[in-house]
Amino acid sequence: MQHDRNGNLEFKNNKIVSSLSFALGSYQSAPKWLISIMIEMIVIGMVK
């Protein structure tokens, strides 16, 4: 994993956190398959 002085890693974590809070926030109105896709994309993003 490559990151420039921890900055990129922090940015990635912030993206994951905001994606999670967005998913939680729109959970009530969003269909289940959309949530599943979002979670899958977040997991894939964490692995990369």
PDB file of N, CA and C in Angstrom:
ATOM      1  N   MET A   1       0.828  -1.188   0.000  1.00  0.00           N
ATOM      2  CA  MET A   1       0.000   0.000   0.000  1.00  0.00           C
ATOM      3  C   MET A   1       0.871   1.251   0.000  1.00  0.00           C
ATOM      4  N   GLN A   2       0.629   2.125  -0.948  1.00  0.00           N
ATOM      5  CA  GLN A   2       1.435   3.341  -1.042  1.00  0.00           C
ATOM      6  C   GLN A   2       0.605   4.554  -0.643  1.00  0.00           C
ATOM      7  N   HIS A   3       1.171   5.394   0.182  1.00  0.00           N
ATOM      8  CA  HIS A   3       0.513   6.653   0.505  1.00  0.00           C
ATOM      9  C   HIS A   3       1.556   7.711   0.836  1.00  0.00           C
ATOM     10  N   ASP A   4       1.230   8.954   0.452  1.00  0.00           N
ATOM     11  CA  ASP A   4       2.176  10.043   0.635  1.00  0.00           C
ATOM     12  C   ASP A   4       2.057  10.611   2.049  1.00  0.00           C
ATOM     13  N   ARG A   5       3.013  10.309   2.881  1.00  0.00           N
ATOM     14  CA  ARG A   5       3.097  10.838   4.249  1.00  0.00           C
ATOM     15  C   ARG A   5       1.769  10.737   4.992  1.00  0.00           C
ATOM     16  N   ASN A   6       1.110   9.585   4.883  1.00  0.00           N
ATOM     17  CA  ASN A   6      -0.116   9.342   5.656  1.00  0.00           C
ATOM     18  C   ASN A   6      -1.311  10.148   5.161  1.00  0.00           C
ATOM     19  N   GLY A   7      -1.095  11.111   4.276  1.00  0.00           N
ATOM     20  CA  GLY A   7      -2.191  11.967   3.838  1.00  0.00           C
ATOM     21  C   GLY A   7      -3.222  11.199   3.033  1.00  0.00           C
ATOM     22  N   ASN A   8      -2.751  10.394   2.082  1.00  0.00           N
ATOM     23  CA  ASN A   8      -3.654   9.645   1.232  1.00  0.00           C
ATOM     24  C   ASN A   8      -4.447   8.642   2.045  1.00  0.00           C
ATOM     25  N   LEU A   9      -3.807   8.004   3.019  1.00  0.00           N
ATOM     26  CA  LEU A   9      -4.482   7.031   3.864  1.00  0.00           C
ATOM     27  C   LEU A   9      -5.597   7.710   4.653  1.00  0.00           C
ATOM     28  N   GLU A  10      -5.299   8.876   5.214  1.00  0.00           N
ATOM     29  CA  GLU A  10      -6.309   9.630   5.960  1.00  0.00           C
ATOM     30  C   GLU A  10      -7.478   9.984   5.056  1.00  0.00           C
ATOM     31  N   PHE A  11      -7.169  10.453   3.847  1.00  0.00           N
ATOM     32  CA  PHE A  11      -8.219  10.828   2.903  1.00  0.00           C
ATOM     33  C   PHE A  11      -9.111   9.628   2.604  1.00  0.00           C
ATOM     34  N   LYS A  12      -8.465   8.455   2.424  1.00  0.00           N
ATOM     35  CA  LYS A  12      -9.218   7.252   2.108  1.00  0.00           C
ATOM     36  C   LYS A  12     -10.149   6.893   3.262  1.00  0.00           C
ATOM     37  N   ASN A  13      -9.632   6.983   4.500  1.00  0.00           N
ATOM     38  CA  ASN A  13     -10.453   6.685   5.670  1.00  0.00           C
ATOM     39  C   ASN A  13     -11.622   7.655   5.775  1.00  0.00           C
ATOM     40  N   ASN A  14     -11.376   8.918   5.499  1.00  0.00           N
ATOM     41  CA  ASN A  14     -12.450   9.914   5.536  1.00  0.00           C
ATOM     42  C   ASN A  14     -13.518   9.582   4.504  1.00  0.00           C
ATOM     43  N   LYS A  15     -13.072   9.139   3.318  1.00  0.00           N
ATOM     44  CA  LYS A  15     -14.025   8.769   2.280  1.00  0.00           C
ATOM     45  C   LYS A  15     -14.887   7.598   2.741  1.00  0.00           C
ATOM     46  N   ILE A  16     -14.244   6.613   3.384  1.00  0.00           N
ATOM     47  CA  ILE A  16     -14.972   5.441   3.856  1.00  0.00           C
ATOM     48  C   ILE A  16     -15.987   5.861   4.919  1.00  0.00           C
ATOM     49  N   VAL A  17     -15.545   6.714   5.841  1.00  0.00           N
ATOM     50  CA  VAL A  17     -16.433   7.157   6.924  1.00  0.00           C
ATOM     51  C   VAL A  17     -17.626   7.917   6.364  1.00  0.00           C
ATOM     52  N   SER A  18     -17.380   8.830   5.434  1.00  0.00           N
ATOM     53  CA  SER A  18     -18.478   9.615   4.890  1.00  0.00           C
ATOM     54  C   SER A  18     -19.409   8.737   4.056  1.00  0.00           C
ATOM     55  N   SER A  19     -18.848   7.733   3.367  1.00  0.00           N
ATOM     56  CA  SER A  19     -19.681   6.810   2.611  1.00  0.00           C
ATOM     57  C   SER A  19     -20.573   6.016   3.550  1.00  0.00           C
ATOM     58  N   LEU A  20     -19.988   5.576   4.667  1.00  0.00           N
ATOM     59  CA  LEU A  20     -20.766   4.813   5.643  1.00  0.00           C
ATOM     60  C   LEU A  20     -21.883   5.674   6.228  1.00  0.00           C
ATOM     61  N   SER A  21     -21.565   6.902   6.621  1.00  0.00           N
ATOM     62  CA  SER A  21     -22.599   7.748   7.214  1.00  0.00           C
ATOM     63  C   SER A  21     -23.660   8.101   6.179  1.00  0.00           C
ATOM     64  N   PHE A  22     -23.261   8.261   4.924  1.00  0.00           N
ATOM     65  CA  PHE A  22     -24.246   8.515   3.870  1.00  0.00           C
ATOM     66  C   PHE A  22     -25.162   7.309   3.696  1.00  0.00           C
ATOM     67  N   ALA A  23     -24.563   6.111   3.706  1.00  0.00           N
ATOM     68  CA  ALA A  23     -25.349   4.891   3.560  1.00  0.00           C
ATOM     69  C   ALA A  23     -26.327   4.755   4.724  1.00  0.00           C
ATOM     70  N   LEU A  24     -25.835   5.043   5.932  1.00  0.00           N
ATOM     71  CA  LEU A  24     -26.709   4.958   7.105  1.00  0.00           C
ATOM     72  C   LEU A  24     -27.802   6.018   7.032  1.00  0.00           C
ATOM     73  N   GLY A  25     -27.438   7.214   6.585  1.00  0.00           N
ATOM     74  CA  GLY A  25     -28.405   8.302   6.531  1.00  0.00           C
ATOM     75  C   GLY A  25     -29.524   8.036   5.537  1.00  0.00           C
ATOM     76  N   SER A  26     -29.196   7.417   4.405  1.00  0.00           N
ATOM     77  CA  SER A  26     -30.203   7.192   3.369  1.00  0.00           C
ATOM     78  C   SER A  26     -30.756   5.772   3.426  1.00  0.00           C
ATOM     79  N   TYR A  27     -30.445   5.056   4.513  1.00  0.00           N
ATOM     80  CA  TYR A  27     -30.878   3.660   4.623  1.00  0.00           C
ATOM     81  C   TYR A  27     -32.398   3.549   4.589  1.00  0.00           C
ATOM     82  N   GLN A  28     -33.079   4.488   5.222  1.00  0.00           N
ATOM     83  CA  GLN A  28     -34.541   4.419   5.313  1.00  0.00           C
ATOM     84  C   GLN A  28     -35.185   4.538   3.929  1.00  0.00           C
ATOM     85  N   SER A  29     -34.633   5.416   3.088  1.00  0.00           N
ATOM     86  CA  SER A  29     -35.287   5.709   1.815  1.00  0.00           C
ATOM     87  C   SER A  29     -34.723   4.870   0.671  1.00  0.00           C
ATOM     88  N   ALA A  30     -33.517   4.327   0.869  1.00  0.00           N
ATOM     89  CA  ALA A  30     -32.872   3.598  -0.232  1.00  0.00           C
ATOM     90  C   ALA A  30     -33.285   2.129  -0.222  1.00  0.00           C
ATOM     91  N   PRO A  31     -33.418   1.528  -1.412  1.00  0.00           N
ATOM     92  CA  PRO A  31     -33.723   0.096  -1.500  1.00  0.00           C
ATOM     93  C   PRO A  31     -32.559  -0.745  -1.000  1.00  0.00           C
ATOM     94  N   LYS A  32     -32.853  -1.989  -0.618  1.00  0.00           N
ATOM     95  CA  LYS A  32     -31.847  -2.855  -0.005  1.00  0.00           C
ATOM     96  C   LYS A  32     -30.697  -3.148  -0.967  1.00  0.00           C
ATOM     97  N   TRP A  33     -30.999  -3.333  -2.247  1.00  0.00           N
ATOM     98  CA  TRP A  33     -29.934  -3.699  -3.190  1.00  0.00           C
ATOM     99  C   TRP A  33     -28.936  -2.554  -3.346  1.00  0.00           C
ATOM    100  N   LEU A  34     -29.422  -1.317  -3.244  1.00  0.00           N
ATOM    101  CA  LEU A  34     -28.522  -0.168  -3.358  1.00  0.00           C
ATOM    102  C   LEU A  34     -27.557  -0.136  -2.180  1.00  0.00           C
ATOM    103  N   ILE A  35     -28.074  -0.414  -0.968  1.00  0.00           N
ATOM    104  CA  ILE A  35     -27.227  -0.471   0.219  1.00  0.00           C
ATOM    105  C   ILE A  35     -26.178  -1.560   0.055  1.00  0.00           C
ATOM    106  N   SER A  36     -26.596  -2.731  -0.456  1.00  0.00           N
ATOM    107  CA  SER A  36     -25.657  -3.843  -0.641  1.00  0.00           C
ATOM    108  C   SER A  36     -24.535  -3.445  -1.596  1.00  0.00           C
ATOM    109  N   ILE A  37     -24.896  -2.768  -2.687  1.00  0.00           N
ATOM    110  CA  ILE A  37     -23.890  -2.340  -3.666  1.00  0.00           C
ATOM    111  C   ILE A  37     -22.930  -1.341  -3.037  1.00  0.00           C
ATOM    112  N   MET A  38     -23.479  -0.407  -2.248  1.00  0.00           N
ATOM    113  CA  MET A  38     -22.635   0.604  -1.608  1.00  0.00           C
ATOM    114  C   MET A  38     -21.650  -0.041  -0.646  1.00  0.00           C
ATOM    115  N   ILE A  39     -22.159  -0.978   0.168  1.00  0.00           N
ATOM    116  CA  ILE A  39     -21.286  -1.661   1.130  1.00  0.00           C
ATOM    117  C   ILE A  39     -20.208  -2.427   0.378  1.00  0.00           C
ATOM    118  N   GLU A  40     -20.592  -3.097  -0.713  1.00  0.00           N
ATOM    119  CA  GLU A  40     -19.634  -3.858  -1.517  1.00  0.00           C
ATOM    120  C   GLU A  40     -18.539  -2.936  -2.067  1.00  0.00           C
ATOM    121  N   MET A  41     -18.941  -1.775  -2.580  1.00  0.00           N
ATOM    122  CA  MET A  41     -17.968  -0.829  -3.132  1.00  0.00           C
ATOM    123  C   MET A  41     -17.037  -0.314  -2.040  1.00  0.00           C
ATOM    124  N   ILE A  42     -17.593  -0.071  -0.846  1.00  0.00           N
ATOM    125  CA  ILE A  42     -16.761   0.398   0.272  1.00  0.00           C
ATOM    126  C   ILE A  42     -15.740  -0.667   0.633  1.00  0.00           C
ATOM    127  N   VAL A  43     -16.180  -1.923   0.696  1.00  0.00           N
ATOM    128  CA  VAL A  43     -15.267  -3.022   1.044  1.00  0.00           C
ATOM    129  C   VAL A  43     -14.176  -3.141  -0.016  1.00  0.00           C
ATOM    130  N   ILE A  44     -14.571  -3.078  -1.286  1.00  0.00           N
ATOM    131  CA  ILE A  44     -13.587  -3.161  -2.372  1.00  0.00           C
ATOM    132  C   ILE A  44     -12.597  -2.003  -2.267  1.00  0.00           C
ATOM    133  N   GLY A  45     -13.091  -0.819  -1.933  1.00  0.00           N
ATOM    134  CA  GLY A  45     -12.229   0.348  -1.776  1.00  0.00           C
ATOM    135  C   GLY A  45     -11.246   0.176  -0.629  1.00  0.00           C
ATOM    136  N   MET A  46     -11.686  -0.499   0.438  1.00  0.00           N
ATOM    137  CA  MET A  46     -10.796  -0.721   1.570  1.00  0.00           C
ATOM    138  C   MET A  46      -9.694  -1.711   1.207  1.00  0.00           C
ATOM    139  N   VAL A  47     -10.053  -2.722   0.395  1.00  0.00           N
ATOM    140  CA  VAL A  47      -9.076  -3.753   0.044  1.00  0.00           C
ATOM    141  C   VAL A  47      -7.988  -3.173  -0.845  1.00  0.00           C
ATOM    142  N   LYS A  48      -8.393  -2.308  -1.789  1.00  0.00           N
ATOM    143  CA  LYS A  48      -7.415  -1.751  -2.736  1.00  0.00           C
ATOM    144  C   LYS A  48      -6.414  -0.855  -2.039  1.00  0.00           C
TER     145      LYS A  48
END
